[in-house]
N, C-alpha and C. Protein backbone atom coordinates (compact mmCIF):
# COMPACT_ATOMS: atom_id res chain seq x y z
N MET A 1 0.76 -1.18 -0.05
CA MET A 1 -0.06 -0.02 -0.07
C MET A 1 0.94 1.20 -0.17
N MET A 2 0.74 2.17 -0.91
CA MET A 2 1.48 3.11 -1.23
C MET A 2 0.90 4.55 0.03
N THR A 3 1.72 5.45 0.20
CA THR A 3 1.42 6.41 1.02
C THR A 3 0.96 7.60 0.10
N GLU A 4 0.19 8.57 0.72
CA GLU A 4 -0.37 9.53 -0.22
C GLU A 4 0.72 10.26 -0.84
N THR A 5 1.91 10.58 -0.05
CA THR A 5 3.00 11.29 -0.79
C THR A 5 3.48 10.37 -1.84
N GLN A 6 3.76 9.20 -1.89
CA GLN A 6 4.06 8.34 -2.89
C GLN A 6 3.03 8.33 -4.17
N ILE A 7 1.78 8.42 -3.97
CA ILE A 7 0.92 8.57 -4.83
C ILE A 7 1.01 9.85 -5.64
N GLN A 8 1.14 10.84 -4.84
CA GLN A 8 1.30 12.23 -5.25
C GLN A 8 2.48 12.23 -6.36
N GLU A 9 3.61 11.68 -5.82
CA GLU A 9 4.75 11.78 -6.82
C GLU A 9 4.47 11.07 -7.90
N LEU A 10 3.83 10.05 -7.84
CA LEU A 10 3.42 9.14 -9.23
C LEU A 10 2.55 10.05 -10.13
N VAL A 11 1.68 10.73 -9.46
CA VAL A 11 0.66 11.54 -10.11
C VAL A 11 1.50 12.70 -10.89
N GLU A 12 2.47 13.32 -10.18
CA GLU A 12 3.21 14.37 -10.88
C GLU A 12 4.15 13.89 -12.08
N GLN A 13 4.64 12.58 -11.76
CA GLN A 13 5.28 11.92 -12.91
C GLN A 13 4.37 11.59 -14.11
N THR A 14 3.17 11.13 -13.70
CA THR A 14 2.22 10.92 -14.92
C THR A 14 1.78 12.16 -15.62
N LYS A 15 1.71 13.35 -14.95
CA LYS A 15 1.45 14.57 -15.56
C LYS A 15 2.60 14.98 -16.62
N GLN A 16 3.78 14.41 -16.32
CA GLN A 16 4.86 14.70 -17.06
C GLN A 16 4.91 13.64 -18.37
N GLY A 17 3.86 12.81 -18.44
CA GLY A 17 3.88 11.86 -19.40
C GLY A 17 4.40 10.45 -19.12
N ASP A 18 4.75 10.13 -17.99
CA ASP A 18 5.54 8.97 -17.52
C ASP A 18 4.30 7.97 -17.46
N LYS A 19 4.50 6.83 -18.36
CA LYS A 19 3.50 5.82 -18.54
C LYS A 19 3.83 4.77 -17.42
N ASP A 20 4.92 4.44 -16.95
CA ASP A 20 5.32 3.78 -16.02
C ASP A 20 4.71 4.12 -14.72
N ALA A 21 4.62 5.39 -14.32
CA ALA A 21 4.16 6.09 -13.08
C ALA A 21 2.44 5.70 -13.30
N PHE A 22 2.07 6.00 -14.38
CA PHE A 22 0.62 5.83 -14.51
C PHE A 22 0.30 4.27 -14.21
N ALA A 23 1.03 3.46 -14.73
CA ALA A 23 0.87 1.98 -14.66
C ALA A 23 0.93 1.49 -12.99
N ALA A 24 1.77 2.22 -12.29
CA ALA A 24 1.91 1.92 -10.91
C ALA A 24 0.50 2.40 -10.22
N LEU A 25 0.04 3.63 -10.77
CA LEU A 25 -1.15 4.09 -10.01
C LEU A 25 -2.25 3.14 -10.59
N TYR A 26 -2.28 2.70 -11.83
CA TYR A 26 -3.26 1.74 -11.98
C TYR A 26 -3.27 0.51 -11.23
N GLU A 27 -2.08 -0.21 -11.03
CA GLU A 27 -2.07 -1.30 -10.01
C GLU A 27 -2.59 -0.94 -8.59
N GLN A 28 -2.26 0.27 -8.27
CA GLN A 28 -2.72 0.44 -6.73
C GLN A 28 -4.19 0.70 -6.80
N TYR A 29 -4.84 1.02 -7.82
CA TYR A 29 -6.34 1.38 -7.63
C TYR A 29 -7.19 0.42 -8.53
N VAL A 30 -6.73 -0.46 -9.28
CA VAL A 30 -7.77 -1.05 -10.25
C VAL A 30 -8.67 -1.87 -9.56
N ASP A 31 -8.10 -2.91 -8.54
CA ASP A 31 -8.92 -3.68 -7.77
C ASP A 31 -10.28 -2.87 -7.02
N ALA A 32 -9.93 -1.76 -6.51
CA ALA A 32 -10.88 -0.96 -5.64
C ALA A 32 -11.84 -0.41 -6.53
N ILE A 33 -11.46 0.26 -7.76
CA ILE A 33 -12.40 0.73 -8.91
C ILE A 33 -13.19 -0.38 -9.50
N TYR A 34 -12.61 -1.58 -9.58
CA TYR A 34 -13.33 -2.76 -10.25
C TYR A 34 -14.51 -3.11 -9.25
N ARG A 35 -14.28 -3.28 -7.83
CA ARG A 35 -15.16 -3.65 -6.93
C ARG A 35 -16.25 -2.61 -6.99
N TYR A 36 -15.89 -1.29 -6.70
CA TYR A 36 -17.02 -0.13 -6.89
C TYR A 36 -17.87 -0.35 -8.26
N VAL A 37 -17.30 -0.46 -9.28
CA VAL A 37 -18.10 -0.60 -10.47
C VAL A 37 -18.88 -1.93 -10.66
N TYR A 38 -18.15 -3.19 -10.30
CA TYR A 38 -18.83 -4.29 -10.47
C TYR A 38 -20.05 -4.33 -9.54
N PHE A 39 -20.13 -3.86 -8.34
CA PHE A 39 -21.48 -3.80 -7.47
C PHE A 39 -22.42 -2.87 -7.99
N ARG A 40 -22.19 -2.08 -8.98
CA ARG A 40 -23.30 -1.16 -9.53
C ARG A 40 -23.58 -1.36 -10.81
N VAL A 41 -23.04 -2.22 -11.65
CA VAL A 41 -23.54 -2.58 -13.14
C VAL A 41 -23.31 -4.07 -13.19
N SER A 42 -23.69 -4.64 -14.50
CA SER A 42 -23.56 -6.00 -14.81
C SER A 42 -22.25 -6.48 -14.78
N ALA A 43 -21.84 -7.62 -14.53
CA ALA A 43 -20.45 -8.24 -14.49
C ALA A 43 -20.04 -7.85 -16.08
N GLU A 44 -20.79 -8.14 -16.92
CA GLU A 44 -20.44 -7.94 -18.48
C GLU A 44 -19.70 -6.65 -18.83
N ASP A 45 -20.45 -5.52 -18.05
CA ASP A 45 -20.00 -4.32 -18.40
C ASP A 45 -18.95 -3.74 -17.39
N ALA A 46 -18.75 -4.20 -16.36
CA ALA A 46 -17.94 -3.82 -15.38
C ALA A 46 -16.34 -3.53 -15.84
N GLU A 47 -15.77 -4.62 -16.59
CA GLU A 47 -14.41 -4.51 -17.13
C GLU A 47 -14.32 -3.23 -18.04
N ASP A 48 -15.38 -3.25 -18.89
CA ASP A 48 -15.24 -2.04 -20.07
C ASP A 48 -15.14 -0.60 -19.26
N LEU A 49 -16.24 -0.63 -18.30
CA LEU A 49 -16.20 0.75 -17.43
C LEU A 49 -15.05 1.03 -16.84
N VAL A 50 -14.49 0.13 -16.15
CA VAL A 50 -13.19 0.10 -15.40
C VAL A 50 -12.02 0.48 -16.35
N GLU A 51 -11.92 0.05 -17.33
CA GLU A 51 -10.99 0.27 -18.60
C GLU A 51 -11.11 1.91 -18.98
N THR A 52 -12.40 2.32 -19.17
CA THR A 52 -12.63 3.53 -19.61
C THR A 52 -12.31 4.55 -18.19
N VAL A 53 -12.59 4.12 -17.06
CA VAL A 53 -12.28 5.05 -15.94
C VAL A 53 -10.76 5.42 -16.11
N PHE A 54 -9.78 4.41 -16.27
CA PHE A 54 -8.49 4.65 -16.38
C PHE A 54 -8.07 5.25 -17.52
N VAL A 55 -8.59 5.06 -18.68
CA VAL A 55 -8.50 5.96 -20.02
C VAL A 55 -8.74 7.28 -19.78
N LYS A 56 -9.98 7.56 -19.19
CA LYS A 56 -10.16 9.16 -18.86
C LYS A 56 -9.22 9.75 -17.76
N ALA A 57 -8.92 8.71 -16.88
CA ALA A 57 -7.83 9.46 -15.82
C ALA A 57 -6.58 9.79 -16.82
N TRP A 58 -6.18 8.73 -17.63
CA TRP A 58 -4.88 9.27 -18.18
C TRP A 58 -5.13 10.74 -19.14
N GLU A 59 -6.18 10.69 -19.60
CA GLU A 59 -6.58 11.81 -20.61
C GLU A 59 -6.70 12.99 -19.79
N LYS A 60 -7.21 13.01 -18.67
CA LYS A 60 -7.53 14.27 -18.00
C LYS A 60 -6.66 14.58 -16.59
N ILE A 61 -5.68 13.70 -16.33
CA ILE A 61 -4.58 13.84 -15.34
C ILE A 61 -3.85 15.14 -15.25
N ALA A 62 -3.76 15.79 -16.34
CA ALA A 62 -3.08 17.22 -16.43
C ALA A 62 -4.03 18.16 -15.56
N GLY A 63 -5.11 17.82 -15.57
CA GLY A 63 -6.22 18.77 -14.81
C GLY A 63 -6.21 18.43 -13.33
N TYR A 64 -5.81 17.56 -13.03
CA TYR A 64 -6.04 17.09 -11.76
C TYR A 64 -5.20 18.03 -10.70
N LYS A 65 -5.74 18.39 -9.51
CA LYS A 65 -5.26 19.38 -8.55
C LYS A 65 -5.31 18.70 -7.36
N GLN A 66 -4.35 18.33 -6.39
CA GLN A 66 -4.29 17.64 -5.01
C GLN A 66 -4.94 18.37 -4.17
N THR A 67 -4.95 19.67 -4.33
CA THR A 67 -5.53 20.39 -3.28
C THR A 67 -7.08 20.26 -3.04
N LYS A 68 -7.62 20.04 -4.28
CA LYS A 68 -9.25 19.72 -4.32
C LYS A 68 -9.56 18.32 -3.52
N ASP A 69 -8.88 17.35 -4.10
CA ASP A 69 -9.34 15.96 -3.72
C ASP A 69 -7.98 15.33 -3.61
N ASN A 70 -8.04 14.03 -2.81
CA ASN A 70 -6.78 13.09 -3.04
C ASN A 70 -7.20 12.31 -4.30
N PHE A 71 -6.07 11.79 -5.01
CA PHE A 71 -6.16 11.15 -6.07
C PHE A 71 -7.19 10.12 -6.19
N SER A 72 -7.42 9.04 -5.06
CA SER A 72 -8.52 8.03 -4.95
C SER A 72 -9.95 8.60 -4.95
N SER A 73 -10.05 9.70 -4.53
CA SER A 73 -11.33 10.27 -4.55
C SER A 73 -11.84 10.87 -6.00
N TRP A 74 -10.63 11.44 -6.72
CA TRP A 74 -10.72 11.86 -7.97
C TRP A 74 -11.19 10.48 -8.97
N LEU A 75 -10.43 9.40 -8.84
CA LEU A 75 -10.72 8.32 -9.62
C LEU A 75 -12.23 7.78 -9.43
N PHE A 76 -12.55 7.70 -7.90
CA PHE A 76 -13.88 7.29 -7.78
C PHE A 76 -15.03 8.12 -8.21
N ARG A 77 -14.67 9.50 -8.49
CA ARG A 77 -15.53 10.54 -9.01
C ARG A 77 -15.78 10.09 -10.57
N ILE A 78 -14.66 9.79 -11.04
CA ILE A 78 -14.66 9.35 -12.47
C ILE A 78 -15.75 8.23 -12.63
N ALA A 79 -15.22 7.28 -11.85
CA ALA A 79 -16.01 5.94 -11.91
C ALA A 79 -17.52 6.21 -11.73
N HIS A 80 -17.64 6.92 -10.70
CA HIS A 80 -19.41 7.23 -10.55
C HIS A 80 -19.83 7.69 -11.63
N ASN A 81 -19.31 8.95 -12.11
CA ASN A 81 -19.80 9.51 -13.45
C ASN A 81 -20.09 8.53 -14.54
N LEU A 82 -19.06 7.54 -14.85
CA LEU A 82 -19.41 6.56 -15.78
C LEU A 82 -20.48 5.65 -15.53
N VAL A 83 -20.80 5.26 -14.19
CA VAL A 83 -21.89 4.36 -13.88
C VAL A 83 -23.00 5.16 -14.19
N VAL A 84 -23.06 6.35 -13.74
CA VAL A 84 -24.41 7.15 -14.05
C VAL A 84 -24.67 7.41 -15.54
N ASP A 85 -23.59 7.67 -16.32
CA ASP A 85 -23.64 7.64 -17.90
C ASP A 85 -24.14 6.49 -18.40
N HIS A 86 -23.49 5.36 -17.84
CA HIS A 86 -23.93 3.99 -18.38
C HIS A 86 -25.62 3.82 -18.11
N TYR A 87 -26.05 4.05 -17.07
CA TYR A 87 -27.42 3.75 -16.98
C TYR A 87 -28.41 5.03 -17.60
N ARG A 88 -27.85 5.95 -17.64
CA ARG A 88 -28.37 7.06 -18.65
C ARG A 88 -28.57 6.60 -19.96
N SER A 89 -27.47 6.16 -20.66
CA SER A 89 -27.36 5.49 -21.86
C SER A 89 -28.25 4.42 -22.12
N ASN A 90 -28.30 3.36 -21.23
CA ASN A 90 -29.03 2.08 -21.43
C ASN A 90 -30.69 2.28 -21.00
N LYS A 91 -30.95 3.32 -19.95
CA LYS A 91 -32.26 3.47 -19.59
C LYS A 91 -32.82 2.30 -19.22
N THR A 92 -32.18 1.28 -18.94
CA THR A 92 -32.66 0.07 -18.36
C THR A 92 -31.98 -0.36 -17.23
N ILE A 93 -32.54 -1.08 -16.39
CA ILE A 93 -31.84 -1.75 -15.20
C ILE A 93 -31.16 -3.03 -15.69
N GLU A 94 -29.92 -3.30 -15.45
CA GLU A 94 -29.42 -4.70 -15.74
C GLU A 94 -29.99 -5.77 -15.00
N ALA A 95 -29.95 -6.86 -15.43
CA ALA A 95 -30.43 -7.93 -14.86
C ALA A 95 -29.09 -8.52 -14.06
N ILE A 96 -29.38 -9.09 -12.84
CA ILE A 96 -28.20 -9.63 -12.08
C ILE A 96 -27.94 -10.90 -12.31
N THR A 97 -26.78 -11.18 -12.67
CA THR A 97 -26.55 -12.49 -12.99
C THR A 97 -25.99 -13.23 -11.63
N GLU A 98 -26.31 -14.50 -11.65
CA GLU A 98 -25.88 -15.12 -10.51
C GLU A 98 -24.52 -15.80 -10.31
N GLU A 99 -23.85 -15.71 -11.45
CA GLU A 99 -22.37 -16.26 -11.49
C GLU A 99 -21.53 -15.01 -11.07
N TYR A 100 -20.49 -15.49 -10.43
CA TYR A 100 -19.53 -14.56 -9.90
C TYR A 100 -18.10 -15.05 -10.31
N GLN A 101 -17.39 -14.17 -11.05
CA GLN A 101 -16.22 -14.47 -11.35
C GLN A 101 -15.08 -13.90 -10.47
N GLU A 102 -14.28 -14.81 -10.14
CA GLU A 102 -13.18 -14.49 -9.05
C GLU A 102 -12.19 -13.52 -10.10
N TYR A 103 -11.70 -12.48 -9.64
CA TYR A 103 -10.91 -11.41 -10.37
C TYR A 103 -9.65 -11.63 -9.93
N ARG A 104 -8.73 -12.07 -10.88
CA ARG A 104 -7.32 -11.97 -10.87
C ARG A 104 -6.65 -13.26 -9.91
N ALA A 105 -7.30 -14.20 -9.40
CA ALA A 105 -6.63 -15.24 -8.52
C ALA A 105 -7.57 -16.68 -8.55
N GLU A 106 -6.79 -17.82 -8.36
CA GLU A 106 -7.53 -19.13 -8.25
C GLU A 106 -7.76 -19.16 -6.87
N TYR A 107 -8.75 -19.89 -6.47
CA TYR A 107 -9.19 -20.09 -4.97
C TYR A 107 -9.69 -21.61 -5.02
N HIS A 108 -9.68 -22.09 -3.97
CA HIS A 108 -10.37 -23.49 -3.76
C HIS A 108 -11.72 -23.11 -4.11
N PRO A 109 -12.33 -24.18 -4.91
CA PRO A 109 -13.54 -24.25 -5.46
C PRO A 109 -14.76 -23.98 -4.45
N LYS A 110 -14.57 -24.54 -3.26
CA LYS A 110 -15.63 -24.34 -2.28
C LYS A 110 -15.68 -22.90 -1.79
N ILE A 111 -14.43 -22.19 -1.67
CA ILE A 111 -14.32 -20.87 -1.36
C ILE A 111 -14.89 -20.08 -2.37
N VAL A 112 -14.63 -20.34 -3.64
CA VAL A 112 -15.24 -19.48 -4.61
C VAL A 112 -16.46 -19.55 -4.92
N THR A 113 -17.08 -20.77 -4.71
CA THR A 113 -18.61 -20.80 -4.66
C THR A 113 -19.24 -20.08 -3.45
N GLU A 114 -18.80 -20.18 -2.26
CA GLU A 114 -19.52 -19.43 -1.07
C GLU A 114 -19.21 -18.07 -1.29
N ARG A 115 -18.35 -17.59 -1.79
CA ARG A 115 -18.19 -16.27 -2.03
C ARG A 115 -18.99 -15.78 -3.16
N GLY A 116 -19.11 -16.56 -4.21
CA GLY A 116 -20.07 -16.34 -5.33
C GLY A 116 -21.38 -16.11 -4.90
N LEU A 117 -22.04 -16.97 -3.86
CA LEU A 117 -23.27 -16.91 -3.51
C LEU A 117 -23.59 -15.71 -2.68
N GLU A 118 -22.53 -15.32 -1.75
CA GLU A 118 -22.60 -14.32 -0.91
C GLU A 118 -22.56 -13.18 -1.68
N ASN A 119 -21.82 -12.89 -2.76
CA ASN A 119 -21.95 -11.63 -3.63
C ASN A 119 -22.91 -11.59 -4.54
N ALA A 120 -23.40 -12.61 -4.81
CA ALA A 120 -24.60 -12.47 -5.73
C ALA A 120 -25.86 -12.04 -5.06
N MET A 121 -25.94 -12.71 -3.82
CA MET A 121 -27.06 -12.06 -2.90
C MET A 121 -26.82 -10.65 -2.36
N LEU A 122 -25.57 -10.31 -2.29
CA LEU A 122 -25.35 -8.98 -1.84
C LEU A 122 -25.76 -8.12 -3.07
N GLN A 123 -25.16 -8.46 -4.08
CA GLN A 123 -25.41 -7.61 -5.19
C GLN A 123 -26.88 -7.56 -5.49
N LYS A 124 -27.47 -8.58 -5.33
CA LYS A 124 -29.18 -8.45 -5.68
C LYS A 124 -29.72 -7.65 -4.57
N ALA A 125 -29.31 -7.70 -3.33
CA ALA A 125 -29.83 -6.75 -2.25
C ALA A 125 -29.59 -5.37 -2.51
N LEU A 126 -28.42 -5.20 -3.01
CA LEU A 126 -27.80 -3.69 -3.11
C LEU A 126 -28.77 -3.21 -4.42
N LYS A 127 -28.99 -3.94 -5.31
CA LYS A 127 -29.75 -3.57 -6.47
C LYS A 127 -31.06 -3.10 -6.07
N GLY A 128 -31.63 -3.50 -5.08
CA GLY A 128 -32.86 -3.16 -4.43
C GLY A 128 -33.26 -1.91 -3.64
N LEU A 129 -31.98 -1.20 -3.48
CA LEU A 129 -31.78 0.17 -2.85
C LEU A 129 -31.55 1.24 -3.78
N LYS A 130 -32.00 2.40 -3.22
CA LYS A 130 -31.59 3.64 -3.94
C LYS A 130 -30.45 3.96 -4.25
N ASP A 131 -30.12 4.51 -5.23
CA ASP A 131 -28.69 4.94 -5.77
C ASP A 131 -27.92 5.36 -4.77
N ASP A 132 -28.21 6.34 -4.07
CA ASP A 132 -27.06 7.09 -2.98
C ASP A 132 -27.19 5.97 -2.01
N TYR A 133 -27.93 5.06 -1.62
CA TYR A 133 -27.71 3.97 -0.59
C TYR A 133 -26.72 2.93 -1.15
N GLN A 134 -26.79 2.70 -2.38
CA GLN A 134 -25.84 1.67 -3.17
C GLN A 134 -24.58 2.19 -2.83
N GLN A 135 -24.48 3.39 -3.56
CA GLN A 135 -22.99 4.01 -3.53
C GLN A 135 -22.38 4.15 -2.25
N VAL A 136 -23.06 4.56 -1.14
CA VAL A 136 -22.53 4.71 0.21
C VAL A 136 -21.89 3.40 0.65
N LEU A 137 -22.77 2.54 0.60
CA LEU A 137 -22.50 1.01 1.20
C LEU A 137 -21.47 0.57 0.40
N VAL A 138 -21.27 0.48 -0.77
CA VAL A 138 -20.20 0.06 -1.60
C VAL A 138 -18.97 0.82 -1.38
N LEU A 139 -18.91 2.07 -1.49
CA LEU A 139 -17.73 3.00 -0.82
C LEU A 139 -17.12 2.36 0.59
N LYS A 140 -18.14 2.30 1.30
CA LYS A 140 -17.75 2.14 2.94
C LYS A 140 -17.37 0.84 3.21
N TYR A 141 -18.22 -0.24 2.63
CA TYR A 141 -17.88 -1.61 3.23
C TYR A 141 -17.42 -2.35 2.13
N ILE A 142 -17.28 -2.26 0.82
CA ILE A 142 -16.80 -3.02 -0.14
C ILE A 142 -15.44 -2.31 -0.33
N ASN A 143 -15.27 -1.10 -0.65
CA ASN A 143 -13.97 -0.36 -1.03
C ASN A 143 -13.27 -0.10 0.18
N GLU A 144 -14.03 0.11 1.18
CA GLU A 144 -13.21 0.45 2.81
C GLU A 144 -12.72 1.63 2.87
N LEU A 145 -13.49 2.69 2.19
CA LEU A 145 -13.09 4.16 2.26
C LEU A 145 -13.54 4.76 3.65
N SER A 146 -12.78 5.59 4.10
CA SER A 146 -13.11 6.18 5.32
C SER A 146 -14.24 7.27 5.15
N ASN A 147 -14.95 7.49 6.19
CA ASN A 147 -16.05 8.46 6.21
C ASN A 147 -15.44 9.81 5.54
N LYS A 148 -14.44 10.24 5.98
CA LYS A 148 -13.93 11.49 5.32
C LYS A 148 -13.67 11.39 3.80
N GLU A 149 -13.25 10.34 3.32
CA GLU A 149 -13.15 10.20 1.95
C GLU A 149 -14.35 10.11 1.10
N ILE A 150 -15.26 9.33 1.79
CA ILE A 150 -16.64 9.19 1.04
C ILE A 150 -17.31 10.80 1.07
N ALA A 151 -17.37 11.39 2.27
CA ALA A 151 -17.99 12.58 2.42
C ALA A 151 -17.41 13.63 1.26
N LYS A 152 -16.03 13.56 0.94
CA LYS A 152 -15.52 14.33 -0.03
C LYS A 152 -15.85 14.03 -1.24
N LEU A 153 -15.97 12.73 -1.57
CA LEU A 153 -16.43 12.22 -2.69
C LEU A 153 -17.92 12.47 -3.14
N LEU A 154 -18.78 12.44 -2.04
CA LEU A 154 -19.92 12.51 -2.37
C LEU A 154 -20.53 14.07 -2.11
N ASP A 155 -19.54 14.98 -1.58
CA ASP A 155 -19.74 16.24 -1.39
C ASP A 155 -20.77 16.45 -0.35
N LYS A 156 -20.68 15.68 0.71
CA LYS A 156 -21.68 15.88 1.94
C LYS A 156 -20.61 16.15 3.27
N SER A 157 -21.28 16.37 4.24
CA SER A 157 -20.71 16.60 5.50
C SER A 157 -20.43 15.28 6.21
N GLU A 158 -19.52 15.10 7.05
CA GLU A 158 -19.55 13.57 7.53
C GLU A 158 -20.69 13.36 8.49
N GLY A 159 -21.41 14.30 8.95
CA GLY A 159 -22.46 14.07 9.95
C GLY A 159 -23.63 13.52 8.94
N SER A 160 -23.89 14.15 7.77
CA SER A 160 -25.00 13.76 6.85
C SER A 160 -24.50 12.44 6.22
N LEU A 161 -23.39 12.22 6.28
CA LEU A 161 -22.81 10.73 5.48
C LEU A 161 -23.12 9.73 6.58
N ARG A 162 -22.96 10.10 7.84
CA ARG A 162 -23.43 9.12 8.94
C ARG A 162 -24.77 8.59 8.74
N ILE A 163 -25.64 9.64 8.61
CA ILE A 163 -27.00 9.42 8.68
C ILE A 163 -27.40 8.68 7.35
N LEU A 164 -26.78 9.06 6.23
CA LEU A 164 -27.16 8.30 5.03
C LEU A 164 -26.67 6.88 5.17
N GLN A 165 -25.49 6.57 5.86
CA GLN A 165 -25.11 5.10 6.04
C GLN A 165 -26.00 4.39 6.82
N PHE A 166 -26.50 5.11 8.13
CA PHE A 166 -27.29 4.42 8.96
C PHE A 166 -28.72 4.00 8.10
N ARG A 167 -29.22 5.09 7.21
CA ARG A 167 -30.51 4.72 6.69
C ARG A 167 -30.22 3.52 5.61
N ALA A 168 -29.13 3.80 4.88
CA ALA A 168 -28.74 2.87 3.73
C ALA A 168 -28.57 1.24 4.39
N LEU A 169 -27.85 1.13 5.65
CA LEU A 169 -27.89 -0.05 6.31
C LEU A 169 -29.36 -0.57 6.72
N LYS A 170 -30.19 0.30 7.17
CA LYS A 170 -31.42 -0.15 7.62
C LYS A 170 -32.24 -0.52 6.40
N ALA A 171 -32.26 0.06 5.20
CA ALA A 171 -32.87 -0.30 4.03
C ALA A 171 -32.19 -1.79 3.63
N LEU A 172 -31.01 -1.91 3.75
CA LEU A 172 -30.28 -3.18 3.27
C LEU A 172 -30.78 -4.35 4.13
N ARG A 173 -30.86 -4.03 5.46
CA ARG A 173 -31.57 -5.01 6.35
C ARG A 173 -32.78 -5.64 5.84
N GLY A 174 -33.56 -4.45 5.51
CA GLY A 174 -35.00 -4.62 5.01
C GLY A 174 -35.06 -5.57 3.85
N VAL A 175 -34.12 -5.21 2.94
CA VAL A 175 -34.17 -6.11 1.80
C VAL A 175 -33.71 -7.51 1.92
N LEU A 176 -32.59 -7.66 2.62
CA LEU A 176 -32.15 -8.93 3.09
C LEU A 176 -33.24 -9.72 3.72
N GLU A 177 -33.95 -9.19 4.56
CA GLU A 177 -34.92 -9.93 5.41
C GLU A 177 -36.12 -10.12 4.39
N GLU A 178 -36.46 -9.50 3.35
CA GLU A 178 -37.33 -9.86 2.36
C GLU A 178 -36.97 -10.97 1.48
N MET A 179 -35.74 -10.99 1.48
CA MET A 179 -35.32 -12.19 0.63
C MET A 179 -35.05 -13.48 1.35
N GLY A 180 -35.38 -13.41 2.78
CA GLY A 180 -35.60 -14.60 3.62
C GLY A 180 -34.30 -14.76 4.51
N LEU A 181 -33.34 -13.77 4.58
CA LEU A 181 -32.28 -13.55 5.36
C LEU A 181 -32.50 -12.99 6.60
N LYS A 182 -32.31 -13.66 7.66
CA LYS A 182 -32.54 -13.13 9.11
C LYS A 182 -31.35 -12.27 9.51
N MET A 183 -31.55 -11.15 9.88
CA MET A 183 -30.28 -10.28 10.33
C MET A 183 -30.35 -10.26 11.98
């Protein structure tokens, strides 16, 4: 895990056209961005959208200013905007697939199956929530961002973010109970 200082150094090198520095930033963030996008769109579209996130980041990095946001918040904002654009252009809600593809690693089949079922149920439950609830839960519990980072990303105060998280968790509990899972 890189420090914020190391990330900023890579950003500055990338602004100068250093492709290796951008590759290091890609490796640092690709899994988190993939998780964020995967739980918001269909599995088939997730990889394409993640690729687009990093293409846009490369194209727009010259305009990135560290004083406004940290780099991860900036990337998540790009990802969020692409997810919103994806739904606007499709104007339909994607069907949830029951399959789960393990990303980048091989695991024991039992573990993969258990994770797949858990993730499929979680994805289905999340799709039953309002968009802002989905977003805050994915950022907090799947991507493990801090409340400060999420508040900055969503342009909310930390207090209003905590209220939103509480309401989102309550709504998720209701959806999971409707699915027959006891909390």
